[in-house]
Amino acid sequence: MERRRACLPHPSAALPVKQCDPARTPPALTGRVKLAVMAGAALLAVLCSSEARAEFTVCNQTLDVVNLAVGQKVDNADQTDGWWTIGANQCVNIIREELTNRYVYIYATDVFGHAILTGSTEMCVERRRFSIRGIDECWQRGHIAAHFLEVDTLEQVRWTFFLTGSNP
């Protein structure tokens, strides 16, 4: 049998509104309310946290899963890092701190390793997860040379790149 909250007439006779007695509220409902309040507070904390804020995000607006590598200057040296897997119609935070470089370089492949986003800047990648310092002589150093697309962030501290089927 379903329990209902006991509602009493409002103390003011002029108002037809009923006031519910919290002492008679079913325990399951009280637990659900507490859980909803705690979940809302946790979500607000995540959204307001400065560390959770992405500064360079890539959104995959294609119908395919893509693997993404990124290149940028780190401590005055060129560095490439990979791989981030981005599902169809999903976004991934690639660089989590404020951007200090005007240019960020990205390279994307499909799940079979075929390039789907290429540019004219040659940088190094690996088949598995990697972080490579330097972009010269990829083959000689045992890496794979790939052509990254240069993304001009216009010196903004936050940037989102939208990967579509029509990207160069």
C-alpha atoms as a PDB file:
ATOM      1  CA  MET A   1       0.000   0.000   0.000  1.00  0.00           C
ATOM      2  CA  GLU A   2       1.345   3.441  -0.926  1.00  0.00           C
ATOM      3  CA  ARG A   3       1.971   5.864   1.929  1.00  0.00           C
ATOM      4  CA  ARG A   4       0.984   9.474   1.428  1.00  0.00           C
ATOM      5  CA  ARG A   5       2.174  12.576   3.211  1.00  0.00           C
ATOM      6  CA  ALA A   6      -0.216  13.886   5.812  1.00  0.00           C
ATOM      7  CA  CYS A   7      -1.200  17.426   4.886  1.00  0.00           C
ATOM      8  CA  LEU A   8      -2.794  19.800   7.343  1.00  0.00           C
ATOM      9  CA  PRO A   9      -4.825  22.926   6.582  1.00  0.00           C
ATOM     10  CA  HIS A  10      -2.737  26.089   6.486  1.00  0.00           C
ATOM     11  CA  PRO A  11      -2.835  27.920   9.879  1.00  0.00           C
ATOM     12  CA  SER A  12      -4.326  30.966   8.197  1.00  0.00           C
ATOM     13  CA  ALA A  13      -8.012  30.363   7.630  1.00  0.00           C
ATOM     14  CA  ALA A  14      -7.984  32.833   4.733  1.00  0.00           C
ATOM     15  CA  LEU A  15      -5.682  30.607   2.636  1.00  0.00           C
ATOM     16  CA  PRO A  16      -7.050  27.342   1.241  1.00  0.00           C
ATOM     17  CA  VAL A  17      -3.500  25.972   0.760  1.00  0.00           C
ATOM     18  CA  LYS A  18      -2.519  22.861   2.706  1.00  0.00           C
ATOM     19  CA  GLN A  19       0.791  22.617   4.583  1.00  0.00           C
ATOM     20  CA  CYS A  20       2.474  19.205   4.656  1.00  0.00           C
ATOM     21  CA  ASP A  21       3.818  17.832   7.900  1.00  0.00           C
ATOM     22  CA  PRO A  22       7.512  16.922   7.285  1.00  0.00           C
ATOM     23  CA  ALA A  23       7.465  14.528  10.228  1.00  0.00           C
ATOM     24  CA  ARG A  24       4.974  12.366   8.352  1.00  0.00           C
ATOM     25  CA  THR A  25       6.914  12.340   5.046  1.00  0.00           C
ATOM     26  CA  PRO A  26       7.749   8.775   3.971  1.00  0.00           C
ATOM     27  CA  PRO A  27      11.447   7.898   4.561  1.00  0.00           C
ATOM     28  CA  ALA A  28      11.970   6.843   0.909  1.00  0.00           C
ATOM     29  CA  LEU A  29      10.876  10.259  -0.343  1.00  0.00           C
ATOM     30  CA  THR A  30      13.128  12.045   2.145  1.00  0.00           C
ATOM     31  CA  GLY A  31      16.085   9.891   1.004  1.00  0.00           C
ATOM     32  CA  ARG A  32      15.376  10.667  -2.645  1.00  0.00           C
ATOM     33  CA  VAL A  33      15.228  14.392  -1.935  1.00  0.00           C
ATOM     34  CA  LYS A  34      18.534  14.244  -0.040  1.00  0.00           C
ATOM     35  CA  LEU A  35      20.109  12.264  -2.882  1.00  0.00           C
ATOM     36  CA  ALA A  36      18.868  14.784  -5.463  1.00  0.00           C
ATOM     37  CA  VAL A  37      20.235  17.706  -3.424  1.00  0.00           C
ATOM     38  CA  MET A  38      23.624  15.964  -2.990  1.00  0.00           C
ATOM     39  CA  ALA A  39      23.799  15.108  -6.717  1.00  0.00           C
ATOM     40  CA  GLY A  40      22.932  18.685  -7.636  1.00  0.00           C
ATOM     41  CA  ALA A  41      25.613  20.041  -5.305  1.00  0.00           C
ATOM     42  CA  ALA A  42      28.207  17.640  -6.752  1.00  0.00           C
ATOM     43  CA  LEU A  43      27.297  18.655 -10.315  1.00  0.00           C
ATOM     44  CA  LEU A  44      27.534  22.336  -9.404  1.00  0.00           C
ATOM     45  CA  ALA A  45      30.970  21.767  -7.836  1.00  0.00           C
ATOM     46  CA  VAL A  46      32.210  20.056 -11.005  1.00  0.00           C
ATOM     47  CA  LEU A  47      30.842  22.767 -13.268  1.00  0.00           C
ATOM     48  CA  CYS A  48      32.315  25.560 -11.139  1.00  0.00           C
ATOM     49  CA  SER A  49      35.712  23.910 -10.695  1.00  0.00           C
ATOM     50  CA  SER A  50      38.421  25.745 -12.607  1.00  0.00           C
ATOM     51  CA  GLU A  51      40.381  22.527 -13.092  1.00  0.00           C
ATOM     52  CA  ALA A  52      37.535  20.869 -14.981  1.00  0.00           C
ATOM     53  CA  ARG A  53      37.380  23.696 -17.514  1.00  0.00           C
ATOM     54  CA  ALA A  54      38.924  22.796 -20.841  1.00  0.00           C
ATOM     55  CA  GLU A  55      41.045  25.270 -22.701  1.00  0.00           C
ATOM     56  CA  PHE A  56      41.417  23.414 -26.034  1.00  0.00           C
ATOM     57  CA  THR A  57      38.538  21.134 -26.906  1.00  0.00           C
ATOM     58  CA  VAL A  58      37.927  19.111 -30.053  1.00  0.00           C
ATOM     59  CA  CYS A  59      34.337  18.237 -30.939  1.00  0.00           C
ATOM     60  CA  ASN A  60      33.825  15.405 -33.413  1.00  0.00           C
ATOM     61  CA  GLN A  61      30.745  16.300 -35.435  1.00  0.00           C
ATOM     62  CA  THR A  62      31.182  13.376 -37.822  1.00  0.00           C
ATOM     63  CA  LEU A  63      29.444  10.021 -37.693  1.00  0.00           C
ATOM     64  CA  ASP A  64      32.726   8.151 -37.116  1.00  0.00           C
ATOM     65  CA  VAL A  65      35.025   7.583 -34.161  1.00  0.00           C
ATOM     66  CA  VAL A  66      38.321   9.441 -34.603  1.00  0.00           C
ATOM     67  CA  ASN A  67      41.732   9.229 -32.967  1.00  0.00           C
ATOM     68  CA  LEU A  68      43.417  12.577 -32.411  1.00  0.00           C
ATOM     69  CA  ALA A  69      46.992  13.697 -31.809  1.00  0.00           C
ATOM     70  CA  VAL A  70      47.980  17.232 -30.847  1.00  0.00           C
ATOM     71  CA  GLY A  71      51.161  19.233 -31.288  1.00  0.00           C
ATOM     72  CA  GLN A  72      52.227  22.405 -29.526  1.00  0.00           C
ATOM     73  CA  LYS A  73      55.195  24.264 -28.053  1.00  0.00           C
ATOM     74  CA  VAL A  74      56.042  23.059 -24.552  1.00  0.00           C
ATOM     75  CA  ASP A  75      58.935  24.805 -22.778  1.00  0.00           C
ATOM     76  CA  ASN A  76      60.073  26.317 -26.113  1.00  0.00           C
ATOM     77  CA  ALA A  77      60.258  22.892 -27.787  1.00  0.00           C
ATOM     78  CA  ASP A  78      57.817  21.287 -30.208  1.00  0.00           C
ATOM     79  CA  GLN A  79      55.956  18.354 -28.685  1.00  0.00           C
ATOM     80  CA  THR A  80      53.317  15.950 -29.961  1.00  0.00           C
ATOM     81  CA  ASP A  81      50.992  13.859 -27.808  1.00  0.00           C
ATOM     82  CA  GLY A  82      48.387  11.255 -28.640  1.00  0.00           C
ATOM     83  CA  TRP A  83      45.986   9.599 -28.776  1.00  0.00           C
ATOM     84  CA  TRP A  84      42.561  10.819 -27.745  1.00  0.00           C
ATOM     85  CA  THR A  85      39.615   8.788 -28.993  1.00  0.00           C
ATOM     86  CA  ILE A  86      36.577  10.917 -29.748  1.00  0.00           C
ATOM     87  CA  GLY A  87      33.227   9.268 -30.437  1.00  0.00           C
ATOM     88  CA  ALA A  88      30.749  10.525 -33.005  1.00  0.00           C
ATOM     89  CA  ASN A  89      29.116  13.756 -31.865  1.00  0.00           C
ATOM     90  CA  GLN A  90      31.346  13.924 -28.772  1.00  0.00           C
ATOM     91  CA  CYS A  91      33.807  16.508 -27.432  1.00  0.00           C
ATOM     92  CA  VAL A  92      37.083  15.837 -25.628  1.00  0.00           C
ATOM     93  CA  ASN A  93      39.209  18.213 -23.573  1.00  0.00           C
ATOM     94  CA  ILE A  94      42.661  17.971 -25.145  1.00  0.00           C
ATOM     95  CA  ILE A  95      44.610  20.754 -23.411  1.00  0.00           C
ATOM     96  CA  ARG A  96      43.346  21.464 -19.898  1.00  0.00           C
ATOM     97  CA  GLU A  97      45.318  24.593 -19.034  1.00  0.00           C
ATOM     98  CA  GLU A  98      44.917  28.036 -20.563  1.00  0.00           C
ATOM     99  CA  LEU A  99      46.462  28.251 -24.006  1.00  0.00           C
ATOM    100  CA  THR A 100      49.785  30.057 -24.216  1.00  0.00           C
ATOM    101  CA  ASN A 101      50.508  29.216 -27.873  1.00  0.00           C
ATOM    102  CA  ARG A 102      48.726  30.917 -30.716  1.00  0.00           C
ATOM    103  CA  TYR A 103      48.992  27.775 -32.854  1.00  0.00           C
ATOM    104  CA  VAL A 104      47.921  24.261 -31.905  1.00  0.00           C
ATOM    105  CA  TYR A 105      48.423  21.401 -34.364  1.00  0.00           C
ATOM    106  CA  ILE A 106      46.065  18.460 -34.721  1.00  0.00           C
ATOM    107  CA  TYR A 107      46.087  15.228 -36.686  1.00  0.00           C
ATOM    108  CA  ALA A 108      43.138  12.832 -36.848  1.00  0.00           C
ATOM    109  CA  THR A 109      42.709   9.292 -38.142  1.00  0.00           C
ATOM    110  CA  ASP A 110      39.821   6.888 -38.404  1.00  0.00           C
ATOM    111  CA  VAL A 111      39.811   3.664 -36.388  1.00  0.00           C
ATOM    112  CA  PHE A 112      41.825   1.957 -39.141  1.00  0.00           C
ATOM    113  CA  GLY A 113      44.638   4.525 -38.911  1.00  0.00           C
ATOM    114  CA  HIS A 114      43.814   6.347 -42.155  1.00  0.00           C
ATOM    115  CA  ALA A 115      44.273  10.119 -41.943  1.00  0.00           C
ATOM    116  CA  ILE A 116      40.993  12.008 -42.030  1.00  0.00           C
ATOM    117  CA  LEU A 117      42.365  15.392 -41.033  1.00  0.00           C
ATOM    118  CA  THR A 118      45.692  16.484 -42.382  1.00  0.00           C
ATOM    119  CA  GLY A 119      47.595  19.678 -42.834  1.00  0.00           C
ATOM    120  CA  SER A 120      51.002  20.788 -44.007  1.00  0.00           C
ATOM    121  CA  THR A 121      53.058  20.758 -40.789  1.00  0.00           C
ATOM    122  CA  GLU A 122      55.059  17.558 -40.452  1.00  0.00           C
ATOM    123  CA  MET A 123      55.277  16.224 -36.895  1.00  0.00           C
ATOM    124  CA  CYS A 124      55.905  12.842 -35.282  1.00  0.00           C
ATOM    125  CA  VAL A 125      53.401  10.270 -34.021  1.00  0.00           C
ATOM    126  CA  GLU A 126      53.433   6.662 -32.821  1.00  0.00           C
ATOM    127  CA  ARG A 127      50.943   3.839 -33.287  1.00  0.00           C
ATOM    128  CA  ARG A 128      50.286   3.661 -29.530  1.00  0.00           C
ATOM    129  CA  ARG A 129      49.958   6.344 -26.865  1.00  0.00           C
ATOM    130  CA  PHE A 130      52.899   8.757 -27.062  1.00  0.00           C
ATOM    131  CA  SER A 131      54.564  12.007 -26.064  1.00  0.00           C
ATOM    132  CA  ILE A 132      57.388  13.010 -28.415  1.00  0.00           C
ATOM    133  CA  ARG A 133      59.725  15.990 -28.024  1.00  0.00           C
ATOM    134  CA  GLY A 134      60.882  17.480 -31.305  1.00  0.00           C
ATOM    135  CA  ILE A 135      59.392  17.253 -34.776  1.00  0.00           C
ATOM    136  CA  ASP A 136      62.490  16.788 -36.928  1.00  0.00           C
ATOM    137  CA  GLU A 137      63.685  13.519 -38.468  1.00  0.00           C
ATOM    138  CA  CYS A 138      60.710  11.453 -37.318  1.00  0.00           C
ATOM    139  CA  TRP A 139      61.671   8.355 -39.322  1.00  0.00           C
ATOM    140  CA  GLN A 140      65.311   8.505 -38.259  1.00  0.00           C
ATOM    141  CA  ARG A 141      64.264   8.624 -34.595  1.00  0.00           C
ATOM    142  CA  GLY A 142      61.916   5.649 -34.983  1.00  0.00           C
ATOM    143  CA  HIS A 143      58.641   7.584 -35.193  1.00  0.00           C
ATOM    144  CA  ILE A 144      56.036   8.048 -37.908  1.00  0.00           C
ATOM    145  CA  ALA A 145      55.843  11.353 -39.795  1.00  0.00           C
ATOM    146  CA  ALA A 146      52.345  12.813 -40.070  1.00  0.00           C
ATOM    147  CA  HIS A 147      50.973  16.052 -41.507  1.00  0.00           C
ATOM    148  CA  PHE A 148      49.233  18.074 -38.788  1.00  0.00           C
ATOM    149  CA  LEU A 149      46.679  20.798 -39.402  1.00  0.00           C
ATOM    150  CA  GLU A 150      47.606  24.175 -37.939  1.00  0.00           C
ATOM    151  CA  VAL A 151      44.810  25.683 -35.829  1.00  0.00           C
ATOM    152  CA  ASP A 152      45.120  29.426 -35.273  1.00  0.00           C
ATOM    153  CA  THR A 153      43.575  30.152 -31.867  1.00  0.00           C
ATOM    154  CA  LEU A 154      43.927  33.898 -32.425  1.00  0.00           C
ATOM    155  CA  GLU A 155      45.830  34.091 -29.106  1.00  0.00           C
ATOM    156  CA  GLN A 156      42.703  33.186 -27.144  1.00  0.00           C
ATOM    157  CA  VAL A 157      43.115  31.312 -23.847  1.00  0.00           C
ATOM    158  CA  ARG A 158      40.260  28.904 -24.742  1.00  0.00           C
ATOM    159  CA  TRP A 159      39.430  27.385 -28.112  1.00  0.00           C
ATOM    160  CA  THR A 160      37.090  24.717 -29.472  1.00  0.00           C
ATOM    161  CA  PHE A 161      37.786  23.033 -32.802  1.00  0.00           C
ATOM    162  CA  PHE A 162      34.849  21.383 -34.567  1.00  0.00           C
ATOM    163  CA  LEU A 163      35.831  18.383 -36.662  1.00  0.00           C
ATOM    164  CA  THR A 164      33.317  18.027 -39.486  1.00  0.00           C
ATOM    165  CA  GLY A 165      33.183  15.981 -42.647  1.00  0.00           C
ATOM    166  CA  SER A 166      34.266  19.045 -44.620  1.00  0.00           C
ATOM    167  CA  ASN A 167      37.506  19.853 -42.740  1.00  0.00           C
ATOM    168  CA  PRO A 168      40.544  20.187 -45.039  1.00  0.00           C
END
